[in-house]
Amino acid sequence: MTVNRLRPFLQDARHYQMTYLSIFLLTGILFLEWHHNLSHYAVLIVAALCIQSMGMIAVNKYNKGWWKSALITSLGLCLLCKTGSLQTTLLAATLAIGSKFIIRFRGKHLFNPVNFGLIATSLITQDSWVSPGQWGSHLILLLVLGALGFIVLAKVQRWDAPLTFFIVFGGLMYANIVWYKGWDFGVFLHSITSGTLVLFAFYMITDPMTTPNHRTGRILWIGLVSFLSFVLVTQFYFYSAPIWVLFFMSPLVPLFDKYWKAPKYVWAPKTPLVIHS
């Protein structure tokens, strides 16, 4: 009986993502003093749910799990979007959720919602940013969260995404820091274990809705994102480069889907509840 009750939870990969991001957020609140941002988190979550609901009504395609995607997006913004203004927080949620309904191509939204919300809000307001330093130096904690991330990705069958990123980006960083510059291995380890990079690798570039459907296309696309990120980080000291590179590389995903064809990912079987006006 217990297994039957858990089956709906286990079948939907979004439940794994929500659990993973919630653990990440609770870790920050309990151990990294993020409790000062609770009002921002509340605004992000409530606004995302409201906008998602309005968007579903607008496109006349309501379903029972409509809130899951919005909650996942809002949790991602809670973890990455830093601002001193609740108005900017509200704008980030609006842009992130709105992009899913407005910027679409062949049945898929073009941008990762959190990525779009971060970049668009930063460009519009100049009052939001991503802070790699907010995670402190808790290496063991980040490694544990990374391990949990692999468990989530095993469910959505996207384990190749972070593996490609860390092999390409991490390999290039190792060659640059340890081989070329002769610095200590600890410097290299510090450069690839920030919470922002962990989230990027296990959450953003693994999004089944906004990355190439076919594994070959996905690996090539992520490899290119990784290489460009490495260049910007090492040559221009642009430490949030992966997030910006992802934004500008996202419009190329349809090209990769065109040449490497595969079925579009489905989170879980669902029965639409259509609203008739």
C-alpha atoms as a PDB file:
ATOM      1  CA  MET A   1       0.000   0.000   0.000  1.00  0.00           C
ATOM      2  CA  THR A   2       2.823   2.394   0.886  1.00  0.00           C
ATOM      3  CA  VAL A   3       4.601   1.685  -2.403  1.00  0.00           C
ATOM      4  CA  ASN A   4       1.406   2.396  -4.337  1.00  0.00           C
ATOM      5  CA  ARG A   5       1.015   5.731  -2.589  1.00  0.00           C
ATOM      6  CA  LEU A   6       4.605   6.681  -3.369  1.00  0.00           C
ATOM      7  CA  ARG A   7       4.404   5.605  -7.009  1.00  0.00           C
ATOM      8  CA  PRO A   8       3.053   8.962  -8.324  1.00  0.00           C
ATOM      9  CA  PHE A   9       5.926  10.733  -6.548  1.00  0.00           C
ATOM     10  CA  LEU A  10       8.560   8.335  -7.861  1.00  0.00           C
ATOM     11  CA  GLN A  11       7.300   8.448 -11.442  1.00  0.00           C
ATOM     12  CA  ASP A  12       7.543  12.235 -11.850  1.00  0.00           C
ATOM     13  CA  ALA A  13      11.140  13.478 -12.129  1.00  0.00           C
ATOM     14  CA  ARG A  14      10.034  16.969 -11.103  1.00  0.00           C
ATOM     15  CA  HIS A  15       9.507  15.707  -7.559  1.00  0.00           C
ATOM     16  CA  TYR A  16      13.189  14.780  -7.406  1.00  0.00           C
ATOM     17  CA  GLN A  17      14.168  18.251  -8.633  1.00  0.00           C
ATOM     18  CA  MET A  18      11.938  19.963  -6.075  1.00  0.00           C
ATOM     19  CA  THR A  19      13.399  17.850  -3.282  1.00  0.00           C
ATOM     20  CA  TYR A  20      16.967  18.514  -4.409  1.00  0.00           C
ATOM     21  CA  LEU A  21      16.528  22.289  -4.709  1.00  0.00           C
ATOM     22  CA  SER A  22      14.649  22.445  -1.394  1.00  0.00           C
ATOM     23  CA  ILE A  23      17.527  20.663   0.359  1.00  0.00           C
ATOM     24  CA  PHE A  24      19.935  23.112  -1.257  1.00  0.00           C
ATOM     25  CA  LEU A  25      17.870  26.105  -0.083  1.00  0.00           C
ATOM     26  CA  LEU A  26      17.328  24.769   3.439  1.00  0.00           C
ATOM     27  CA  THR A  27      21.072  24.146   3.706  1.00  0.00           C
ATOM     28  CA  GLY A  28      21.722  27.802   2.922  1.00  0.00           C
ATOM     29  CA  ILE A  29      19.100  29.043   5.352  1.00  0.00           C
ATOM     30  CA  LEU A  30      20.201  26.800   8.234  1.00  0.00           C
ATOM     31  CA  PHE A  31      23.985  26.804   7.788  1.00  0.00           C
ATOM     32  CA  LEU A  32      24.944  29.794   5.616  1.00  0.00           C
ATOM     33  CA  GLU A  33      22.790  32.523   7.220  1.00  0.00           C
ATOM     34  CA  TRP A  34      20.465  33.028   4.274  1.00  0.00           C
ATOM     35  CA  HIS A  35      17.530  33.608   6.634  1.00  0.00           C
ATOM     36  CA  HIS A  36      17.872  37.347   5.996  1.00  0.00           C
ATOM     37  CA  ASN A  37      16.412  36.751   2.513  1.00  0.00           C
ATOM     38  CA  LEU A  38      13.221  34.946   3.571  1.00  0.00           C
ATOM     39  CA  SER A  39      10.978  37.767   2.311  1.00  0.00           C
ATOM     40  CA  HIS A  40      12.601  37.538  -1.138  1.00  0.00           C
ATOM     41  CA  TYR A  41      12.105  33.782  -1.191  1.00  0.00           C
ATOM     42  CA  ALA A  42       8.416  34.200  -0.306  1.00  0.00           C
ATOM     43  CA  VAL A  43       7.897  36.768  -3.082  1.00  0.00           C
ATOM     44  CA  LEU A  44       9.661  34.562  -5.641  1.00  0.00           C
ATOM     45  CA  ILE A  45       7.634  31.456  -4.808  1.00  0.00           C
ATOM     46  CA  VAL A  46       4.219  33.152  -4.579  1.00  0.00           C
ATOM     47  CA  ALA A  47       4.792  35.278  -7.691  1.00  0.00           C
ATOM     48  CA  ALA A  48       6.009  32.315  -9.740  1.00  0.00           C
ATOM     49  CA  LEU A  49       2.961  30.225  -8.805  1.00  0.00           C
ATOM     50  CA  CYS A  50       0.564  33.068  -9.596  1.00  0.00           C
ATOM     51  CA  ILE A  51       2.145  33.884 -12.965  1.00  0.00           C
ATOM     52  CA  GLN A  52       2.316  30.200 -13.933  1.00  0.00           C
ATOM     53  CA  SER A  53      -1.382  29.845 -13.107  1.00  0.00           C
ATOM     54  CA  MET A  54      -2.298  32.884 -15.218  1.00  0.00           C
ATOM     55  CA  GLY A  55      -0.141  31.615 -18.070  1.00  0.00           C
ATOM     56  CA  MET A  56      -1.816  28.205 -18.050  1.00  0.00           C
ATOM     57  CA  ILE A  57      -5.235  29.837 -18.166  1.00  0.00           C
ATOM     58  CA  ALA A  58      -4.129  32.155 -20.986  1.00  0.00           C
ATOM     59  CA  VAL A  59      -3.033  29.249 -23.198  1.00  0.00           C
ATOM     60  CA  ASN A  60      -6.106  27.207 -22.204  1.00  0.00           C
ATOM     61  CA  LYS A  61      -4.001  24.246 -21.120  1.00  0.00           C
ATOM     62  CA  TYR A  62      -4.415  23.583 -17.426  1.00  0.00           C
ATOM     63  CA  ASN A  63      -3.217  20.344 -15.785  1.00  0.00           C
ATOM     64  CA  LYS A  64      -2.969  18.961 -12.276  1.00  0.00           C
ATOM     65  CA  GLY A  65       0.801  19.367 -12.034  1.00  0.00           C
ATOM     66  CA  TRP A  66       0.943  22.967 -13.279  1.00  0.00           C
ATOM     67  CA  TRP A  67       2.477  24.208 -10.029  1.00  0.00           C
ATOM     68  CA  LYS A  68       5.503  21.882 -10.106  1.00  0.00           C
ATOM     69  CA  SER A  69       7.373  23.674 -12.870  1.00  0.00           C
ATOM     70  CA  ALA A  70       6.718  27.059 -11.243  1.00  0.00           C
ATOM     71  CA  LEU A  71       7.963  25.853  -7.864  1.00  0.00           C
ATOM     72  CA  ILE A  72      11.132  24.412  -9.403  1.00  0.00           C
ATOM     73  CA  THR A  73      11.814  27.717 -11.184  1.00  0.00           C
ATOM     74  CA  SER A  74      11.180  29.771  -8.056  1.00  0.00           C
ATOM     75  CA  LEU A  75      13.482  27.565  -5.969  1.00  0.00           C
ATOM     76  CA  GLY A  76      16.218  27.990  -8.577  1.00  0.00           C
ATOM     77  CA  LEU A  77      15.810  31.766  -8.425  1.00  0.00           C
ATOM     78  CA  CYS A  78      15.911  31.653  -4.612  1.00  0.00           C
ATOM     79  CA  LEU A  79      19.299  29.958  -4.839  1.00  0.00           C
ATOM     80  CA  LEU A  80      20.856  32.155  -7.509  1.00  0.00           C
ATOM     81  CA  CYS A  81      19.167  35.562  -7.802  1.00  0.00           C
ATOM     82  CA  LYS A  82      20.528  38.170  -5.409  1.00  0.00           C
ATOM     83  CA  THR A  83      19.020  41.648  -5.168  1.00  0.00           C
ATOM     84  CA  GLY A  84      18.300  44.295  -2.570  1.00  0.00           C
ATOM     85  CA  SER A  85      14.820  45.095  -3.886  1.00  0.00           C
ATOM     86  CA  LEU A  86      11.572  43.160  -3.630  1.00  0.00           C
ATOM     87  CA  GLN A  87      10.438  44.852  -6.859  1.00  0.00           C
ATOM     88  CA  THR A  88      13.442  43.366  -8.659  1.00  0.00           C
ATOM     89  CA  THR A  89      12.670  40.010  -7.065  1.00  0.00           C
ATOM     90  CA  LEU A  90       9.123  40.198  -8.439  1.00  0.00           C
ATOM     91  CA  LEU A  91      10.446  41.145 -11.890  1.00  0.00           C
ATOM     92  CA  ALA A  92      12.812  38.152 -11.900  1.00  0.00           C
ATOM     93  CA  ALA A  93       9.940  35.758 -11.171  1.00  0.00           C
ATOM     94  CA  THR A  94       7.747  37.414 -13.816  1.00  0.00           C
ATOM     95  CA  LEU A  95      10.401  37.250 -16.528  1.00  0.00           C
ATOM     96  CA  ALA A  96      11.426  33.685 -15.679  1.00  0.00           C
ATOM     97  CA  ILE A  97       7.910  32.232 -15.773  1.00  0.00           C
ATOM     98  CA  GLY A  98       6.741  34.501 -18.595  1.00  0.00           C
ATOM     99  CA  SER A  99       9.560  33.365 -20.870  1.00  0.00           C
ATOM    100  CA  LYS A 100       8.161  29.812 -20.838  1.00  0.00           C
ATOM    101  CA  PHE A 101       4.893  30.966 -22.382  1.00  0.00           C
ATOM    102  CA  ILE A 102       6.151  33.693 -24.724  1.00  0.00           C
ATOM    103  CA  ILE A 103       9.546  32.593 -26.065  1.00  0.00           C
ATOM    104  CA  ARG A 104       8.843  29.183 -27.595  1.00  0.00           C
ATOM    105  CA  PHE A 105       9.932  27.213 -30.645  1.00  0.00           C
ATOM    106  CA  ARG A 106       8.363  23.971 -31.869  1.00  0.00           C
ATOM    107  CA  GLY A 107       6.657  23.159 -28.605  1.00  0.00           C
ATOM    108  CA  LYS A 108       9.636  23.916 -26.325  1.00  0.00           C
ATOM    109  CA  HIS A 109      10.448  27.072 -24.428  1.00  0.00           C
ATOM    110  CA  LEU A 110      13.750  28.339 -25.739  1.00  0.00           C
ATOM    111  CA  PHE A 111      15.455  29.484 -22.535  1.00  0.00           C
ATOM    112  CA  ASN A 112      15.940  27.858 -19.174  1.00  0.00           C
ATOM    113  CA  PRO A 113      13.469  29.967 -17.114  1.00  0.00           C
ATOM    114  CA  VAL A 114      15.854  30.612 -14.221  1.00  0.00           C
ATOM    115  CA  ASN A 115      18.679  31.483 -16.607  1.00  0.00           C
ATOM    116  CA  PHE A 116      16.457  33.890 -18.548  1.00  0.00           C
ATOM    117  CA  GLY A 117      15.143  35.485 -15.350  1.00  0.00           C
ATOM    118  CA  LEU A 118      18.655  36.048 -14.008  1.00  0.00           C
ATOM    119  CA  ILE A 119      20.109  37.545 -17.191  1.00  0.00           C
ATOM    120  CA  ALA A 120      17.085  39.606 -18.263  1.00  0.00           C
ATOM    121  CA  THR A 121      16.604  41.083 -14.783  1.00  0.00           C
ATOM    122  CA  SER A 122      20.298  41.960 -14.559  1.00  0.00           C
ATOM    123  CA  LEU A 123      20.233  43.684 -17.958  1.00  0.00           C
ATOM    124  CA  ILE A 124      17.032  45.603 -17.251  1.00  0.00           C
ATOM    125  CA  THR A 125      17.588  46.760 -13.661  1.00  0.00           C
ATOM    126  CA  GLN A 126      21.329  46.536 -12.971  1.00  0.00           C
ATOM    127  CA  ASP A 127      20.109  45.583  -9.490  1.00  0.00           C
ATOM    128  CA  SER A 128      20.485  41.796  -9.464  1.00  0.00           C
ATOM    129  CA  TRP A 129      23.473  39.508  -9.553  1.00  0.00           C
ATOM    130  CA  VAL A 130      24.742  35.991  -8.968  1.00  0.00           C
ATOM    131  CA  SER A 131      27.110  35.693  -6.026  1.00  0.00           C
ATOM    132  CA  PRO A 132      29.481  32.696  -6.143  1.00  0.00           C
ATOM    133  CA  GLY A 133      30.852  33.732  -2.752  1.00  0.00           C
ATOM    134  CA  GLN A 134      27.564  33.150  -0.923  1.00  0.00           C
ATOM    135  CA  TRP A 135      28.342  29.433  -0.649  1.00  0.00           C
ATOM    136  CA  GLY A 136      31.420  29.883   1.509  1.00  0.00           C
ATOM    137  CA  SER A 137      34.096  27.183   1.537  1.00  0.00           C
ATOM    138  CA  HIS A 138      32.030  24.174   2.627  1.00  0.00           C
ATOM    139  CA  LEU A 139      33.601  21.753   0.163  1.00  0.00           C
ATOM    140  CA  ILE A 140      32.224  18.566   1.719  1.00  0.00           C
ATOM    141  CA  LEU A 141      28.717  20.030   1.753  1.00  0.00           C
ATOM    142  CA  LEU A 142      28.933  20.922  -1.942  1.00  0.00           C
ATOM    143  CA  LEU A 143      30.259  17.466  -2.809  1.00  0.00           C
ATOM    144  CA  VAL A 144      27.314  15.887  -0.989  1.00  0.00           C
ATOM    145  CA  LEU A 145      24.907  18.134  -2.892  1.00  0.00           C
ATOM    146  CA  GLY A 146      26.678  17.182  -6.106  1.00  0.00           C
ATOM    147  CA  ALA A 147      26.229  13.498  -5.322  1.00  0.00           C
ATOM    148  CA  LEU A 148      22.522  14.076  -4.669  1.00  0.00           C
ATOM    149  CA  GLY A 149      22.391  15.891  -8.001  1.00  0.00           C
ATOM    150  CA  PHE A 150      23.583  12.772  -9.823  1.00  0.00           C
ATOM    151  CA  ILE A 151      20.770  10.797  -8.202  1.00  0.00           C
ATOM    152  CA  VAL A 152      18.230  13.298  -9.529  1.00  0.00           C
ATOM    153  CA  LEU A 153      19.771  13.214 -12.999  1.00  0.00           C
ATOM    154  CA  ALA A 154      19.658   9.442 -13.099  1.00  0.00           C
ATOM    155  CA  LYS A 155      15.881   9.814 -12.897  1.00  0.00           C
ATOM    156  CA  VAL A 156      15.638  12.349 -15.739  1.00  0.00           C
ATOM    157  CA  GLN A 157      18.315  10.502 -17.759  1.00  0.00           C
ATOM    158  CA  ARG A 158      20.522  13.564 -18.085  1.00  0.00           C
ATOM    159  CA  TRP A 159      23.632  12.409 -16.176  1.00  0.00           C
ATOM    160  CA  ASP A 160      25.677  13.029 -19.341  1.00  0.00           C
ATOM    161  CA  ALA A 161      25.135  16.791 -19.006  1.00  0.00           C
ATOM    162  CA  PRO A 162      27.083  17.556 -15.784  1.00  0.00           C
ATOM    163  CA  LEU A 163      29.617  14.863 -16.659  1.00  0.00           C
ATOM    164  CA  THR A 164      30.365  16.606 -19.970  1.00  0.00           C
ATOM    165  CA  PHE A 165      30.558  20.005 -18.284  1.00  0.00           C
ATOM    166  CA  PHE A 166      32.965  18.907 -15.562  1.00  0.00           C
ATOM    167  CA  ILE A 167      35.122  16.897 -17.982  1.00  0.00           C
ATOM    168  CA  VAL A 168      35.484  19.781 -20.458  1.00  0.00           C
ATOM    169  CA  PHE A 169      35.372  22.817 -18.165  1.00  0.00           C
ATOM    170  CA  GLY A 170      37.056  21.047 -15.251  1.00  0.00           C
ATOM    171  CA  GLY A 171      39.679  19.462 -17.478  1.00  0.00           C
ATOM    172  CA  LEU A 172      40.572  22.781 -19.082  1.00  0.00           C
ATOM    173  CA  MET A 173      40.686  24.503 -15.693  1.00  0.00           C
ATOM    174  CA  TYR A 174      42.974  21.769 -14.349  1.00  0.00           C
ATOM    175  CA  ALA A 175      45.303  22.095 -17.338  1.00  0.00           C
ATOM    176  CA  ASN A 176      45.405  25.867 -16.942  1.00  0.00           C
ATOM    177  CA  ILE A 177      45.800  26.043 -13.163  1.00  0.00           C
ATOM    178  CA  VAL A 178      47.906  22.991 -12.327  1.00  0.00           C
ATOM    179  CA  TRP A 179      49.859  22.223 -15.515  1.00  0.00           C
ATOM    180  CA  TYR A 180      50.265  25.651 -17.109  1.00  0.00           C
ATOM    181  CA  LYS A 181      50.468  27.926 -14.048  1.00  0.00           C
ATOM    182  CA  GLY A 182      51.874  25.322 -11.660  1.00  0.00           C
ATOM    183  CA  TRP A 183      49.515  26.256  -8.854  1.00  0.00           C
ATOM    184  CA  ASP A 184      48.394  23.945  -6.064  1.00  0.00           C
ATOM    185  CA  PHE A 185      45.641  21.373  -6.691  1.00  0.00           C
ATOM    186  CA  GLY A 186      43.570  23.067  -3.977  1.00  0.00           C
ATOM    187  CA  VAL A 187      43.291  26.189  -6.138  1.00  0.00           C
ATOM    188  CA  PHE A 188      41.854  24.110  -8.961  1.00  0.00           C
ATOM    189  CA  LEU A 189      39.423  22.339  -6.611  1.00  0.00           C
ATOM    190  CA  HIS A 190      38.214  25.680  -5.281  1.00  0.00           C
ATOM    191  CA  SER A 191      37.632  26.958  -8.837  1.00  0.00           C
ATOM    192  CA  ILE A 192      35.166  24.199  -9.769  1.00  0.00           C
ATOM    193  CA  THR A 193      33.316  23.562  -6.492  1.00  0.00           C
ATOM    194  CA  SER A 194      31.355  26.757  -5.916  1.00  0.00           C
ATOM    195  CA  GLY A 195      27.668  26.301  -5.225  1.00  0.00           C
ATOM    196  CA  THR A 196      26.865  28.333  -8.329  1.00  0.00           C
ATOM    197  CA  LEU A 197      28.758  25.904 -10.562  1.00  0.00           C
ATOM    198  CA  VAL A 198      27.185  22.896  -8.847  1.00  0.00           C
ATOM    199  CA  LEU A 199      23.717  24.329  -9.459  1.00  0.00           C
ATOM    200  CA  PHE A 200      24.608  25.245 -13.022  1.00  0.00           C
ATOM    201  CA  ALA A 201      25.873  21.751 -13.779  1.00  0.00           C
ATOM    202  CA  PHE A 202      23.142  19.786 -11.990  1.00  0.00           C
ATOM    203  CA  TYR A 203      20.174  22.058 -12.612  1.00  0.00           C
ATOM    204  CA  MET A 204      20.500  24.498 -15.517  1.00  0.00           C
ATOM    205  CA  ILE A 205      22.290  22.573 -18.265  1.00  0.00           C
ATOM    206  CA  THR A 206      20.355  19.428 -17.386  1.00  0.00           C
ATOM    207  CA  ASP A 207      16.944  20.979 -18.052  1.00  0.00           C
ATOM    208  CA  PRO A 208      15.257  18.482 -20.427  1.00  0.00           C
ATOM    209  CA  MET A 209      13.001  21.203 -21.840  1.00  0.00           C
ATOM    210  CA  THR A 210      15.717  23.624 -22.966  1.00  0.00           C
ATOM    211  CA  THR A 211      18.686  21.420 -23.884  1.00  0.00           C
ATOM    212  CA  PRO A 212      19.113  19.245 -27.016  1.00  0.00           C
ATOM    213  CA  ASN A 213      16.934  16.141 -26.981  1.00  0.00           C
ATOM    214  CA  HIS A 214      19.503  13.753 -28.479  1.00  0.00           C
ATOM    215  CA  ARG A 215      22.452  12.715 -26.317  1.00  0.00           C
ATOM    216  CA  THR A 216      25.043  13.357 -29.059  1.00  0.00           C
ATOM    217  CA  GLY A 217      23.710  16.843 -29.758  1.00  0.00           C
ATOM    218  CA  ARG A 218      23.475  17.538 -26.041  1.00  0.00           C
ATOM    219  CA  ILE A 219      27.080  16.520 -25.370  1.00  0.00           C
ATOM    220  CA  LEU A 220      28.376  18.633 -28.253  1.00  0.00           C
ATOM    221  CA  TRP A 221      26.282  21.632 -27.194  1.00  0.00           C
ATOM    222  CA  ILE A 222      27.348  21.402 -23.534  1.00  0.00           C
ATOM    223  CA  GLY A 223      30.957  20.915 -24.617  1.00  0.00           C
ATOM    224  CA  LEU A 224      30.764  24.191 -26.524  1.00  0.00           C
ATOM    225  CA  VAL A 225      29.139  25.956 -23.551  1.00  0.00           C
ATOM    226  CA  SER A 226      31.908  24.590 -21.322  1.00  0.00           C
ATOM    227  CA  PHE A 227      34.714  25.704 -23.630  1.00  0.00           C
ATOM    228  CA  LEU A 228      33.361  29.245 -24.037  1.00  0.00           C
ATOM    229  CA  SER A 229      32.852  29.484 -20.265  1.00  0.00           C
ATOM    230  CA  PHE A 230      36.463  28.455 -19.703  1.00  0.00           C
ATOM    231  CA  VAL A 231      37.714  31.136 -22.098  1.00  0.00           C
ATOM    232  CA  LEU A 232      35.687  33.885 -20.403  1.00  0.00           C
ATOM    233  CA  VAL A 233      36.676  32.788 -16.898  1.00  0.00           C
ATOM    234  CA  THR A 234      40.402  32.486 -17.564  1.00  0.00           C
ATOM    235  CA  GLN A 235      40.935  35.278 -20.073  1.00  0.00           C
ATOM    236  CA  PHE A 236      38.488  37.889 -18.798  1.00  0.00           C
ATOM    237  CA  TYR A 237      38.024  36.787 -15.143  1.00  0.00           C
ATOM    238  CA  PHE A 238      34.266  36.632 -15.718  1.00  0.00           C
ATOM    239  CA  TYR A 239      33.376  34.120 -13.009  1.00  0.00           C
ATOM    240  CA  SER A 240      29.642  33.962 -13.728  1.00  0.00           C
ATOM    241  CA  ALA A 241      30.428  33.235 -17.399  1.00  0.00           C
ATOM    242  CA  PRO A 242      28.655  29.822 -17.585  1.00  0.00           C
ATOM    243  CA  ILE A 243      25.301  31.437 -16.796  1.00  0.00           C
ATOM    244  CA  TRP A 244      25.770  34.104 -19.485  1.00  0.00           C
ATOM    245  CA  VAL A 245      27.108  31.645 -22.055  1.00  0.00           C
ATOM    246  CA  LEU A 246      24.088  29.404 -21.494  1.00  0.00           C
ATOM    247  CA  PHE A 247      21.785  32.352 -22.188  1.00  0.00           C
ATOM    248  CA  PHE A 248      23.383  33.179 -25.538  1.00  0.00           C
ATOM    249  CA  MET A 249      23.794  29.524 -26.554  1.00  0.00           C
ATOM    250  CA  SER A 250      20.168  28.562 -25.866  1.00  0.00           C
ATOM    251  CA  PRO A 251      18.856  29.854 -29.248  1.00  0.00           C
ATOM    252  CA  LEU A 252      21.137  27.291 -30.936  1.00  0.00           C
ATOM    253  CA  VAL A 253      19.367  24.325 -29.331  1.00  0.00           C
ATOM    254  CA  PRO A 254      16.783  24.007 -32.160  1.00  0.00           C
ATOM    255  CA  LEU A 255      19.670  23.609 -34.637  1.00  0.00           C
ATOM    256  CA  PHE A 256      21.093  20.716 -32.611  1.00  0.00           C
ATOM    257  CA  ASP A 257      17.599  19.195 -32.369  1.00  0.00           C
ATOM    258  CA  LYS A 258      17.277  19.482 -36.146  1.00  0.00           C
ATOM    259  CA  TYR A 259      20.471  17.568 -36.938  1.00  0.00           C
ATOM    260  CA  TRP A 260      20.321  15.096 -34.033  1.00  0.00           C
ATOM    261  CA  LYS A 261      16.687  14.079 -33.753  1.00  0.00           C
ATOM    262  CA  ALA A 262      15.153  12.519 -30.654  1.00  0.00           C
ATOM    263  CA  PRO A 263      11.724  12.618 -28.974  1.00  0.00           C
ATOM    264  CA  LYS A 264      10.956  15.552 -26.731  1.00  0.00           C
ATOM    265  CA  TYR A 265      11.306  14.723 -23.029  1.00  0.00           C
ATOM    266  CA  VAL A 266       8.089  14.214 -21.031  1.00  0.00           C
ATOM    267  CA  TRP A 267       8.230  14.754 -17.271  1.00  0.00           C
ATOM    268  CA  ALA A 268       5.423  12.326 -16.474  1.00  0.00           C
ATOM    269  CA  PRO A 269       2.209  11.063 -18.098  1.00  0.00           C
ATOM    270  CA  LYS A 270      -0.491  13.608 -17.386  1.00  0.00           C
ATOM    271  CA  THR A 271      -4.111  14.124 -18.202  1.00  0.00           C
ATOM    272  CA  PRO A 272      -4.862  17.708 -19.257  1.00  0.00           C
ATOM    273  CA  LEU A 273      -7.811  19.485 -17.703  1.00  0.00           C
ATOM    274  CA  VAL A 274      -8.890  21.973 -20.382  1.00  0.00           C
ATOM    275  CA  ILE A 275     -10.691  25.094 -19.290  1.00  0.00           C
ATOM    276  CA  HIS A 276     -13.473  26.234 -21.630  1.00  0.00           C
ATOM    277  CA  SER A 277     -14.514  29.844 -21.498  1.00  0.00           C
END
